[in-house]
Amino acid sequence: MQYSESFKNAFITAYTECCRSFDDEARRRDYRFDWNRFMLWDPEPPLGKPVLELTAEKMELRYWKREPFRFDGAFIQPAHRLVQDYPIPMIAVFEHEDKIGGFEEEVVKLCQIRCPLKIGITYCQPESQSQWEGQILGWVRDVLQQLEEHTKEDPESEYVFLLGAHAKPFGADWYHLTFPAASGPGTFQALRPPQ
């Protein structure tokens, strides 16, 4: 798992660093309403960069936030080719959906793109975490099975699905479903900072 482990370590480190930039509890509560900016796009001070841009830098990749192929963003090599607004190659594409009920559509998009790493990020409340883990796993298995009947995927392609359980006023506890295409999905695990 070349990219997925690097992504998970970079993500949890970047996420922790960004959360620490808020030293005032009231600002943390206020910022929760701008969660997409915190994670994806042009955050307000005290943040300099969103979590996913910082994640890309920690992976020594560039952050592409211009919605290539209508994905929320991508990670690309520093040396890449650009055709119109499409970078070649994209190392990772990601979908970020703050309303978990709409996450099935993101799963379908991710499973059909040709890319070494496919990342889906969504959220739930802690009391419904187990239910949503099962639902996401079912969606992933169903889509991959349907696609397998019609097209073959590179067995070395990797998937990371992150589920943030909003257990605190600001932030989330993270869980991941990580697997290479060759083996298919397993189960969700807690995402911990690298040792």
Protein backbone atom coordinates (compact mmCIF):
# COMPACT_ATOMS: atom_id res chain seq x y z
CA MET A 1 0.00 0.00 0.00
CA GLN A 2 2.19 2.71 -1.35
CA TYR A 3 -0.05 5.79 -1.28
CA SER A 4 -2.76 4.86 1.22
CA GLU A 5 -0.44 4.59 4.24
CA SER A 6 1.31 7.80 3.30
CA PHE A 7 -2.07 9.53 2.91
CA LYS A 8 -3.47 8.33 6.23
CA ASN A 9 -0.35 9.40 8.15
CA ALA A 10 -0.19 12.76 6.39
CA PHE A 11 -3.93 13.36 6.83
CA ILE A 12 -4.12 12.70 10.57
CA THR A 13 -0.98 14.79 11.13
CA ALA A 14 -2.30 17.69 9.02
CA TYR A 15 -5.74 17.47 10.65
CA THR A 16 -4.22 17.57 14.15
CA GLU A 17 -1.99 20.53 13.23
CA CYS A 18 -4.94 22.47 11.78
CA CYS A 19 -7.10 21.80 14.84
CA ARG A 20 -4.30 23.04 17.11
CA SER A 21 -4.23 26.38 15.31
CA PHE A 22 -7.50 27.25 17.09
CA ASP A 23 -6.67 28.20 20.65
CA ASP A 24 -10.04 29.71 21.51
CA GLU A 25 -12.96 27.31 22.12
CA ALA A 26 -15.54 29.85 20.88
CA ARG A 27 -13.71 30.21 17.54
CA ARG A 28 -13.64 26.44 17.22
CA ARG A 29 -17.43 26.29 17.55
CA ASP A 30 -17.89 29.13 15.06
CA TYR A 31 -15.51 27.56 12.55
CA ARG A 32 -17.45 24.31 12.46
CA PHE A 33 -19.97 26.07 10.23
CA ASP A 34 -17.19 26.59 7.66
CA TRP A 35 -16.07 22.96 7.74
CA ASN A 36 -15.61 22.69 3.95
CA ARG A 37 -13.24 25.66 4.08
CA PHE A 38 -11.35 24.04 6.96
CA MET A 39 -10.98 20.78 5.02
CA LEU A 40 -10.87 21.87 1.35
CA TRP A 41 -10.73 25.50 0.33
CA ASP A 42 -9.30 28.87 1.34
CA PRO A 43 -9.68 28.79 5.12
CA GLU A 44 -9.83 31.95 7.17
CA PRO A 45 -7.11 32.81 9.71
CA PRO A 46 -5.61 31.41 11.82
CA LEU A 47 -5.36 28.62 9.22
CA GLY A 48 -3.01 29.20 6.32
CA LYS A 49 -4.02 26.09 4.34
CA PRO A 50 -6.91 23.64 4.44
CA VAL A 51 -6.34 20.14 5.85
CA LEU A 52 -6.20 18.41 2.45
CA GLU A 53 -3.72 20.90 0.98
CA LEU A 54 -1.43 20.38 3.98
CA THR A 55 -1.92 16.62 3.57
CA ALA A 56 -0.74 16.79 -0.06
CA GLU A 57 2.35 18.77 0.95
CA LYS A 58 3.23 16.21 3.62
CA MET A 59 3.04 13.56 0.88
CA GLU A 60 5.33 15.75 -1.28
CA LEU A 61 2.52 16.19 -3.79
CA ARG A 62 0.62 19.24 -5.03
CA TYR A 63 -2.98 20.01 -4.14
CA TRP A 64 -5.34 20.48 -7.10
CA LYS A 65 -8.57 22.08 -5.88
CA ARG A 66 -10.15 22.94 -9.25
CA GLU A 67 -12.54 19.97 -9.28
CA PRO A 68 -10.97 17.82 -12.01
CA PHE A 69 -13.64 15.64 -13.63
CA ARG A 70 -16.03 17.08 -10.99
CA PHE A 71 -14.15 15.46 -8.10
CA ASP A 72 -13.68 17.77 -5.12
CA GLY A 73 -9.94 17.77 -5.71
CA ALA A 74 -6.82 15.77 -6.47
CA PHE A 75 -3.23 15.29 -5.46
CA ILE A 76 -0.75 15.52 -8.32
CA GLN A 77 2.97 15.16 -8.88
CA PRO A 78 4.95 18.42 -8.70
CA ALA A 79 6.03 17.69 -12.28
CA HIS A 80 2.80 17.11 -14.17
CA ARG A 81 1.29 17.88 -17.53
CA LEU A 82 -1.78 20.06 -17.84
CA VAL A 83 -4.37 19.63 -20.60
CA GLN A 84 -6.83 22.52 -20.20
CA ASP A 85 -7.79 22.19 -16.51
CA TYR A 86 -6.93 18.49 -16.22
CA PRO A 87 -3.63 17.48 -14.60
CA ILE A 88 -1.90 14.29 -15.78
CA PRO A 89 -1.30 12.12 -13.84
CA MET A 90 -3.56 12.47 -10.83
CA ILE A 91 -2.07 10.43 -7.97
CA ALA A 92 -5.18 10.68 -5.80
CA VAL A 93 -8.70 12.00 -6.22
CA PHE A 94 -11.02 12.71 -3.33
CA GLU A 95 -14.63 13.36 -2.56
CA HIS A 96 -15.65 15.17 0.61
CA GLU A 97 -19.32 14.93 1.58
CA ASP A 98 -20.44 16.47 4.84
CA LYS A 99 -23.95 14.97 4.51
CA ILE A 100 -23.45 11.23 4.80
CA GLY A 101 -26.81 10.44 3.21
CA GLY A 102 -25.39 11.61 -0.14
CA PHE A 103 -22.17 9.62 0.16
CA GLU A 104 -23.29 6.71 -2.06
CA GLU A 105 -22.92 8.95 -5.12
CA GLU A 106 -19.33 9.75 -4.09
CA VAL A 107 -18.57 6.03 -3.71
CA VAL A 108 -19.83 5.41 -7.26
CA LYS A 109 -17.66 8.21 -8.68
CA LEU A 110 -14.53 7.06 -6.84
CA CYS A 111 -14.90 3.42 -7.85
CA GLN A 112 -15.06 4.31 -11.55
CA ILE A 113 -12.07 6.63 -11.92
CA ARG A 114 -8.66 5.37 -13.00
CA CYS A 115 -6.25 6.61 -10.35
CA PRO A 116 -3.73 5.03 -7.92
CA LEU A 117 -5.51 6.33 -4.78
CA LYS A 118 -9.20 7.10 -4.30
CA ILE A 119 -10.29 8.89 -1.13
CA GLY A 120 -13.80 9.41 0.25
CA ILE A 121 -14.42 11.52 3.35
CA THR A 122 -17.72 11.88 5.23
CA TYR A 123 -19.12 12.33 8.73
CA CYS A 124 -21.66 10.93 11.17
CA GLN A 125 -22.69 11.23 14.79
CA PRO A 126 -20.94 8.79 17.17
CA GLU A 127 -24.20 7.01 18.06
CA SER A 128 -24.78 6.07 14.41
CA GLN A 129 -21.17 5.25 13.52
CA SER A 130 -21.57 1.47 13.42
CA GLN A 131 -24.67 1.75 11.22
CA TRP A 132 -22.91 4.08 8.75
CA GLU A 133 -19.77 1.94 8.64
CA GLY A 134 -21.95 -0.98 7.56
CA GLN A 135 -23.80 1.17 5.01
CA ILE A 136 -20.60 2.52 3.44
CA LEU A 137 -19.10 -0.97 3.32
CA GLY A 138 -22.26 -2.24 1.59
CA TRP A 139 -22.16 0.57 -0.98
CA VAL A 140 -18.49 -0.07 -1.75
CA ARG A 141 -18.95 -3.83 -2.12
CA ASP A 142 -22.03 -3.41 -4.30
CA VAL A 143 -20.45 -0.89 -6.68
CA LEU A 144 -17.18 -2.82 -6.99
CA GLN A 145 -19.08 -6.05 -7.69
CA GLN A 146 -21.16 -4.39 -10.41
CA LEU A 147 -18.07 -2.88 -12.01
CA GLU A 148 -16.14 -6.16 -11.88
CA GLU A 149 -18.69 -7.69 -14.21
CA HIS A 150 -17.87 -5.11 -16.89
CA THR A 151 -14.37 -3.76 -16.39
CA LYS A 152 -11.13 -4.69 -14.67
CA GLU A 153 -9.40 -2.30 -12.30
CA ASP A 154 -5.67 -2.11 -11.70
CA PRO A 155 -5.27 -4.48 -8.72
CA GLU A 156 -2.76 -2.08 -7.16
CA SER A 157 -5.24 0.83 -7.02
CA GLU A 158 -6.00 1.76 -3.43
CA TYR A 159 -9.02 3.09 -1.57
CA VAL A 160 -9.28 5.04 1.67
CA PHE A 161 -12.72 5.89 3.03
CA LEU A 162 -12.60 8.17 6.07
CA LEU A 163 -15.51 8.47 8.46
CA GLY A 164 -15.32 11.32 10.95
CA ALA A 165 -17.44 10.83 14.05
CA HIS A 166 -18.25 14.29 15.44
CA ALA A 167 -17.75 13.43 19.09
CA LYS A 168 -16.63 16.90 20.20
CA PRO A 169 -17.73 20.49 19.67
CA PHE A 170 -14.96 20.94 17.11
CA GLY A 171 -13.43 18.17 15.08
CA ALA A 172 -13.95 14.46 14.76
CA ASP A 173 -12.57 11.08 15.72
CA TRP A 174 -11.50 9.39 12.49
CA TYR A 175 -12.05 5.84 11.23
CA HIS A 176 -10.80 4.40 7.94
CA LEU A 177 -11.64 1.65 5.51
CA THR A 178 -8.43 1.06 3.53
CA PHE A 179 -7.82 -1.62 0.93
CA PRO A 180 -6.15 -2.37 -2.42
CA ALA A 181 -8.49 -3.13 -5.30
CA ALA A 182 -7.05 -6.66 -5.54
CA SER A 183 -8.36 -7.71 -2.12
CA GLY A 184 -11.54 -5.69 -1.68
CA PRO A 185 -12.75 -3.98 1.49
CA GLY A 186 -12.30 -5.29 4.99
CA THR A 187 -13.55 -3.35 8.03
CA PHE A 188 -13.26 0.15 9.44
CA GLN A 189 -10.41 0.83 11.89
CA ALA A 190 -9.57 3.80 14.11
CA LEU A 191 -7.15 6.23 12.45
CA ARG A 192 -4.30 7.03 14.80
CA PRO A 193 -1.37 9.43 14.42
CA PRO A 194 1.88 7.78 13.23
CA GLN A 195 4.19 6.65 16.02
